Amino acid sequence: EELAGALNQGGYLIVMTQFPSKSDEAFLDWWYRRDVTHISFFSPRSFAIMASTVGLEVLKQLNDNVVVFHKPC
């Protein structure tokens, strides 16, 4: 909410993350899940839900690690 509120209408918010693997086995071997600085994992769907909750839209997802949000005019 705080970041969305700080955006001007028509503004963009770009978030870099790493989406977890869809496979349980690959997830267990994934180095990123053992990084103690990460406390949550997000999916494209969870970003879409967060965006709609705060009045943003997911404009695009780049590769498996960047989400571009847009605050409509």
Protein backbone atom coordinates (compact mmCIF):
# COMPACT_ATOMS: atom_id res chain seq x y z
CA GLU A 1 0.00 0.00 0.00
CA GLU A 2 2.79 2.40 0.88
CA LEU A 3 4.60 1.97 -2.44
CA ALA A 4 1.37 2.15 -4.44
CA GLY A 5 0.41 5.33 -2.58
CA ALA A 6 3.75 6.92 -3.40
CA LEU A 7 3.26 6.42 -7.15
CA ASN A 8 1.81 9.18 -9.29
CA GLN A 9 -1.07 8.19 -11.54
CA GLY A 10 0.45 6.68 -14.66
CA GLY A 11 3.55 5.69 -12.65
CA TYR A 12 5.42 2.40 -12.69
CA LEU A 13 6.83 0.16 -9.99
CA ILE A 14 9.34 -2.49 -11.03
CA VAL A 15 10.04 -5.37 -8.64
CA MET A 16 12.81 -7.90 -9.02
CA THR A 17 12.35 -11.27 -7.35
CA GLN A 18 12.82 -14.91 -8.16
CA PHE A 19 9.76 -17.07 -8.67
CA PRO A 20 9.96 -20.54 -7.14
CA SER A 21 9.99 -23.64 -9.27
CA LYS A 22 6.68 -25.39 -9.83
CA SER A 23 8.28 -28.75 -9.08
CA ASP A 24 8.60 -29.80 -5.42
CA GLU A 25 11.93 -31.50 -6.07
CA ALA A 26 13.38 -28.47 -7.85
CA PHE A 27 12.10 -26.20 -5.06
CA LEU A 28 13.89 -28.27 -2.42
CA ASP A 29 17.16 -27.97 -4.37
CA TRP A 30 16.68 -24.26 -5.10
CA TRP A 31 19.46 -22.12 -3.56
CA TYR A 32 17.17 -19.08 -3.25
CA ARG A 33 14.89 -20.73 -0.68
CA ARG A 34 17.84 -21.08 1.72
CA ASP A 35 18.75 -17.39 1.55
CA VAL A 36 17.98 -16.12 5.08
CA THR A 37 17.25 -12.60 3.82
CA HIS A 38 14.07 -13.85 2.10
CA ILE A 39 11.06 -14.42 4.31
CA SER A 40 8.34 -14.98 1.69
CA PHE A 41 7.97 -16.39 -1.78
CA PHE A 42 5.69 -14.86 -4.37
CA SER A 43 4.12 -16.11 -7.56
CA PRO A 44 2.77 -14.18 -10.54
CA ARG A 45 -0.71 -14.82 -9.13
CA SER A 46 0.17 -13.40 -5.69
CA PHE A 47 1.53 -10.24 -7.36
CA ALA A 48 -1.71 -9.90 -9.36
CA ILE A 49 -3.76 -10.18 -6.15
CA MET A 50 -1.58 -7.63 -4.34
CA ALA A 51 -1.77 -5.25 -7.31
CA SER A 52 -5.56 -5.33 -7.53
CA THR A 53 -5.83 -4.83 -3.76
CA VAL A 54 -3.91 -1.52 -3.92
CA GLY A 55 -5.20 -0.18 -7.24
CA LEU A 56 -2.31 -1.23 -9.47
CA GLU A 57 -2.18 -3.50 -12.48
CA VAL A 58 0.52 -5.97 -13.47
CA LEU A 59 1.66 -4.58 -16.78
CA LYS A 60 4.08 -7.39 -17.60
CA GLN A 61 6.30 -10.10 -16.22
CA LEU A 62 9.81 -10.29 -17.62
CA ASN A 63 11.58 -13.64 -17.53
CA ASP A 64 11.11 -15.38 -14.19
CA ASN A 65 12.20 -12.54 -11.96
CA VAL A 66 10.80 -9.08 -12.85
CA VAL A 67 7.26 -7.74 -12.46
CA VAL A 68 6.22 -4.34 -13.82
CA PHE A 69 3.28 -2.67 -12.07
CA HIS A 70 1.38 0.34 -13.39
CA LYS A 71 -0.87 2.81 -11.58
CA PRO A 72 -3.66 3.68 -14.03
CA CYS A 73 -4.53 7.31 -14.74
